[in-house]
Amino acid sequence: MHRNTIQVPEKGTYKWQLFNYWSDEFRQTHNDHSAYIALNFAGALDVCRNKLQTLIQHHRQQASKTAACERHNRAIARLQATMTGAAMAFESGFHQH
């Protein structure tokens, strides 16, 4: 198998800085994708998704019928900002492509 090697620009140059940035970006994206696959195969995302949806549903019900509507809306916002929420957003990004 023939492989073409990538010529790395001279260290310290602007092109080297760009190359370094994009190679780090590629590694990070690849790591995120691998982590997503591992979580998905382990079944962890389903459990997290179900728990998050249950909690959000509870707070939406409470927000619609109580005087503490703002407090429940803040709880929903906090839930959506958790790592579980981030994982769900990450997962939905893969389904869109």
N, C-alpha and C. Protein backbone atom coordinates (compact mmCIF):
# COMPACT_ATOMS: atom_id res chain seq x y z
N MET A 1 0.84 -1.18 0.00
CA MET A 1 0.00 0.00 0.00
C MET A 1 0.88 1.24 0.00
N HIS A 2 0.62 2.13 -0.92
CA HIS A 2 1.41 3.36 -1.05
C HIS A 2 0.74 4.47 -0.26
N ARG A 3 1.50 5.12 0.57
CA ARG A 3 0.97 6.24 1.35
C ARG A 3 1.73 7.50 1.00
N ASN A 4 0.96 8.56 0.81
CA ASN A 4 1.58 9.87 0.61
C ASN A 4 1.76 10.52 1.97
N THR A 5 2.96 10.93 2.27
CA THR A 5 3.20 11.59 3.54
C THR A 5 2.86 13.07 3.43
N ILE A 6 2.39 13.61 4.51
CA ILE A 6 2.06 15.03 4.56
C ILE A 6 3.31 15.79 4.95
N GLN A 7 3.64 16.77 4.16
CA GLN A 7 4.80 17.59 4.47
C GLN A 7 4.40 18.63 5.52
N VAL A 8 5.04 18.57 6.64
CA VAL A 8 4.76 19.52 7.72
C VAL A 8 5.53 20.80 7.44
N PRO A 9 4.82 21.94 7.51
CA PRO A 9 5.51 23.23 7.29
C PRO A 9 6.58 23.46 8.35
N GLU A 10 7.49 24.34 8.04
CA GLU A 10 8.57 24.66 8.96
C GLU A 10 8.02 25.20 10.27
N LYS A 11 8.52 24.65 11.38
CA LYS A 11 8.03 25.02 12.71
C LYS A 11 8.22 26.51 12.96
N GLY A 12 7.19 27.12 13.54
CA GLY A 12 7.25 28.54 13.88
C GLY A 12 6.65 29.44 12.82
N THR A 13 6.40 28.92 11.62
CA THR A 13 5.81 29.74 10.57
C THR A 13 4.30 29.79 10.73
N TYR A 14 3.67 30.71 10.01
CA TYR A 14 2.22 30.83 10.05
C TYR A 14 1.57 29.55 9.52
N LYS A 15 2.12 28.99 8.44
CA LYS A 15 1.58 27.75 7.89
C LYS A 15 1.70 26.61 8.89
N TRP A 16 2.77 26.59 9.67
CA TRP A 16 2.92 25.56 10.69
C TRP A 16 1.85 25.73 11.78
N GLN A 17 1.58 26.98 12.17
CA GLN A 17 0.55 27.24 13.17
C GLN A 17 -0.81 26.74 12.69
N LEU A 18 -1.14 27.02 11.42
CA LEU A 18 -2.40 26.54 10.85
C LEU A 18 -2.43 25.01 10.81
N PHE A 19 -1.34 24.42 10.36
CA PHE A 19 -1.26 22.97 10.29
C PHE A 19 -1.44 22.36 11.68
N ASN A 20 -0.80 22.92 12.67
CA ASN A 20 -0.89 22.45 14.05
C ASN A 20 -2.32 22.57 14.56
N TYR A 21 -2.96 23.71 14.29
CA TYR A 21 -4.33 23.92 14.73
C TYR A 21 -5.27 22.89 14.11
N TRP A 22 -5.19 22.71 12.80
CA TRP A 22 -6.13 21.80 12.12
C TRP A 22 -5.83 20.34 12.43
N SER A 23 -4.60 19.98 12.65
CA SER A 23 -4.32 18.59 13.03
C SER A 23 -4.83 18.31 14.43
N ASP A 24 -4.71 19.28 15.35
CA ASP A 24 -5.29 19.13 16.69
C ASP A 24 -6.82 19.03 16.61
N GLU A 25 -7.41 19.87 15.75
CA GLU A 25 -8.86 19.86 15.57
C GLU A 25 -9.32 18.50 15.05
N PHE A 26 -8.59 17.94 14.09
CA PHE A 26 -8.92 16.62 13.55
C PHE A 26 -8.84 15.55 14.63
N ARG A 27 -7.76 15.58 15.42
CA ARG A 27 -7.60 14.58 16.48
C ARG A 27 -8.74 14.69 17.50
N GLN A 28 -9.10 15.91 17.88
CA GLN A 28 -10.17 16.10 18.85
C GLN A 28 -11.50 15.61 18.30
N THR A 29 -11.81 15.94 17.06
CA THR A 29 -13.06 15.52 16.43
C THR A 29 -13.11 14.00 16.36
N HIS A 30 -11.99 13.40 15.98
CA HIS A 30 -11.93 11.94 15.88
C HIS A 30 -12.12 11.30 17.25
N ASN A 31 -11.52 11.88 18.28
CA ASN A 31 -11.69 11.36 19.64
C ASN A 31 -13.13 11.48 20.10
N ASP A 32 -13.77 12.62 19.80
CA ASP A 32 -15.17 12.81 20.16
C ASP A 32 -16.04 11.76 19.48
N HIS A 33 -15.77 11.51 18.22
CA HIS A 33 -16.55 10.53 17.47
C HIS A 33 -16.36 9.14 18.06
N SER A 34 -15.14 8.80 18.41
CA SER A 34 -14.87 7.49 19.02
C SER A 34 -15.56 7.35 20.37
N ALA A 35 -15.55 8.42 21.14
CA ALA A 35 -16.22 8.39 22.45
C ALA A 35 -17.73 8.21 22.26
N TYR A 36 -18.29 8.90 21.28
CA TYR A 36 -19.71 8.75 21.00
C TYR A 36 -20.05 7.31 20.63
N ILE A 37 -19.26 6.71 19.77
CA ILE A 37 -19.50 5.33 19.35
C ILE A 37 -19.43 4.39 20.55
N ALA A 38 -18.43 4.58 21.39
CA ALA A 38 -18.28 3.72 22.58
C ALA A 38 -19.48 3.87 23.52
N LEU A 39 -19.91 5.10 23.77
CA LEU A 39 -21.07 5.33 24.64
C LEU A 39 -22.34 4.73 24.04
N ASN A 40 -22.47 4.88 22.74
CA ASN A 40 -23.65 4.36 22.07
C ASN A 40 -23.70 2.83 22.15
N PHE A 41 -22.59 2.17 21.85
CA PHE A 41 -22.56 0.71 21.90
C PHE A 41 -22.73 0.19 23.32
N ALA A 42 -22.29 0.95 24.30
CA ALA A 42 -22.43 0.53 25.70
C ALA A 42 -23.86 0.72 26.20
N GLY A 43 -24.69 1.39 25.41
CA GLY A 43 -26.07 1.63 25.81
C GLY A 43 -26.23 2.79 26.77
N ALA A 44 -25.15 3.52 27.03
CA ALA A 44 -25.20 4.61 28.00
C ALA A 44 -26.05 5.78 27.51
N LEU A 45 -26.05 6.02 26.22
CA LEU A 45 -26.80 7.17 25.71
C LEU A 45 -28.30 6.99 25.88
N ASP A 46 -28.79 5.77 25.69
CA ASP A 46 -30.23 5.52 25.87
C ASP A 46 -30.67 5.79 27.30
N VAL A 47 -29.90 5.31 28.26
CA VAL A 47 -30.22 5.51 29.67
C VAL A 47 -30.21 7.00 29.99
N CYS A 48 -29.18 7.71 29.55
CA CYS A 48 -29.07 9.15 29.81
C CYS A 48 -30.22 9.90 29.15
N ARG A 49 -30.52 9.56 27.91
CA ARG A 49 -31.59 10.23 27.18
C ARG A 49 -32.93 10.03 27.89
N ASN A 50 -33.23 8.81 28.32
CA ASN A 50 -34.49 8.52 28.99
C ASN A 50 -34.60 9.28 30.31
N LYS A 51 -33.53 9.29 31.09
CA LYS A 51 -33.53 10.00 32.38
C LYS A 51 -33.73 11.50 32.16
N LEU A 52 -33.01 12.06 31.20
CA LEU A 52 -33.12 13.49 30.92
C LEU A 52 -34.53 13.84 30.46
N GLN A 53 -35.10 13.05 29.57
CA GLN A 53 -36.45 13.33 29.08
C GLN A 53 -37.49 13.23 30.20
N THR A 54 -37.31 12.27 31.11
CA THR A 54 -38.22 12.14 32.25
C THR A 54 -38.15 13.38 33.15
N LEU A 55 -36.93 13.83 33.44
CA LEU A 55 -36.77 15.01 34.29
C LEU A 55 -37.33 16.26 33.63
N ILE A 56 -37.06 16.43 32.34
CA ILE A 56 -37.57 17.61 31.64
C ILE A 56 -39.10 17.58 31.59
N GLN A 57 -39.67 16.42 31.34
CA GLN A 57 -41.13 16.29 31.31
C GLN A 57 -41.73 16.66 32.67
N HIS A 58 -41.11 16.19 33.74
CA HIS A 58 -41.58 16.53 35.10
C HIS A 58 -41.58 18.04 35.31
N HIS A 59 -40.48 18.69 34.97
CA HIS A 59 -40.38 20.13 35.18
C HIS A 59 -41.34 20.90 34.27
N ARG A 60 -41.56 20.43 33.06
CA ARG A 60 -42.53 21.10 32.18
C ARG A 60 -43.94 21.01 32.75
N GLN A 61 -44.30 19.85 33.30
CA GLN A 61 -45.62 19.69 33.92
C GLN A 61 -45.76 20.63 35.11
N GLN A 62 -44.72 20.70 35.94
CA GLN A 62 -44.76 21.57 37.11
C GLN A 62 -44.80 23.04 36.71
N ALA A 63 -44.08 23.39 35.65
CA ALA A 63 -44.03 24.78 35.20
C ALA A 63 -45.38 25.23 34.65
N SER A 64 -46.13 24.31 34.09
CA SER A 64 -47.41 24.69 33.50
C SER A 64 -48.53 24.86 34.53
N LYS A 65 -48.35 24.33 35.74
CA LYS A 65 -49.46 24.38 36.70
C LYS A 65 -49.13 25.04 38.04
N THR A 66 -47.95 25.57 38.21
CA THR A 66 -47.62 26.17 39.50
C THR A 66 -47.19 27.62 39.36
N ALA A 67 -47.13 28.25 40.50
CA ALA A 67 -46.66 29.64 40.52
C ALA A 67 -45.14 29.72 40.39
N ALA A 68 -44.47 28.57 40.55
CA ALA A 68 -43.00 28.54 40.48
C ALA A 68 -42.52 28.22 39.06
N CYS A 69 -43.21 28.75 38.09
CA CYS A 69 -42.90 28.48 36.67
C CYS A 69 -41.44 28.80 36.33
N GLU A 70 -40.97 29.96 36.76
CA GLU A 70 -39.61 30.39 36.43
C GLU A 70 -38.56 29.43 37.00
N ARG A 71 -38.79 28.94 38.20
CA ARG A 71 -37.85 28.01 38.83
C ARG A 71 -37.76 26.71 38.02
N HIS A 72 -38.89 26.22 37.55
CA HIS A 72 -38.89 24.99 36.77
C HIS A 72 -38.26 25.21 35.39
N ASN A 73 -38.48 26.38 34.83
CA ASN A 73 -37.84 26.69 33.54
C ASN A 73 -36.32 26.77 33.69
N ARG A 74 -35.85 27.31 34.81
CA ARG A 74 -34.40 27.34 35.06
C ARG A 74 -33.86 25.92 35.24
N ALA A 75 -34.63 25.06 35.90
CA ALA A 75 -34.21 23.66 36.08
C ALA A 75 -34.09 22.97 34.73
N ILE A 76 -35.03 23.24 33.83
CA ILE A 76 -34.97 22.66 32.48
C ILE A 76 -33.72 23.15 31.76
N ALA A 77 -33.44 24.43 31.87
CA ALA A 77 -32.25 24.99 31.22
C ALA A 77 -30.98 24.35 31.77
N ARG A 78 -30.93 24.15 33.09
CA ARG A 78 -29.75 23.50 33.69
C ARG A 78 -29.62 22.07 33.21
N LEU A 79 -30.73 21.35 33.14
CA LEU A 79 -30.69 19.96 32.65
C LEU A 79 -30.16 19.90 31.22
N GLN A 80 -30.62 20.82 30.40
CA GLN A 80 -30.20 20.82 29.00
C GLN A 80 -28.74 21.22 28.84
N ALA A 81 -28.17 21.84 29.86
CA ALA A 81 -26.77 22.26 29.80
C ALA A 81 -25.82 21.21 30.39
N THR A 82 -26.34 20.10 30.84
CA THR A 82 -25.49 19.06 31.43
C THR A 82 -24.74 18.31 30.35
N MET A 83 -23.83 17.46 30.78
CA MET A 83 -23.11 16.62 29.83
C MET A 83 -24.07 15.70 29.07
N THR A 84 -25.13 15.27 29.73
CA THR A 84 -26.12 14.45 29.06
C THR A 84 -26.75 15.22 27.92
N GLY A 85 -27.09 16.46 28.20
CA GLY A 85 -27.65 17.31 27.15
C GLY A 85 -26.67 17.50 26.01
N ALA A 86 -25.40 17.68 26.36
CA ALA A 86 -24.37 17.83 25.34
C ALA A 86 -24.23 16.55 24.52
N ALA A 87 -24.29 15.41 25.18
CA ALA A 87 -24.19 14.14 24.47
C ALA A 87 -25.36 13.96 23.51
N MET A 88 -26.55 14.38 23.94
CA MET A 88 -27.71 14.26 23.06
C MET A 88 -27.58 15.18 21.86
N ALA A 89 -27.08 16.39 22.08
CA ALA A 89 -26.87 17.32 20.97
C ALA A 89 -25.83 16.76 20.02
N PHE A 90 -24.78 16.18 20.59
CA PHE A 90 -23.72 15.57 19.78
C PHE A 90 -24.28 14.43 18.95
N GLU A 91 -25.11 13.60 19.58
CA GLU A 91 -25.72 12.48 18.89
C GLU A 91 -26.63 12.96 17.76
N SER A 92 -27.43 13.99 18.01
CA SER A 92 -28.34 14.47 16.98
C SER A 92 -27.56 15.04 15.80
N GLY A 93 -26.37 15.59 16.07
CA GLY A 93 -25.52 16.08 14.98
C GLY A 93 -25.11 14.97 14.02
N PHE A 94 -24.89 13.78 14.55
CA PHE A 94 -24.53 12.66 13.69
C PHE A 94 -25.71 12.18 12.87
N HIS A 95 -26.92 12.30 13.43
CA HIS A 95 -28.10 11.85 12.70
C HIS A 95 -28.47 12.81 11.56
N GLN A 96 -28.05 14.07 11.65
CA GLN A 96 -28.36 15.05 10.63
C GLN A 96 -27.49 14.89 9.40
N HIS A 97 -26.33 14.27 9.53
CA HIS A 97 -25.40 14.16 8.40
C HIS A 97 -25.57 12.88 7.65
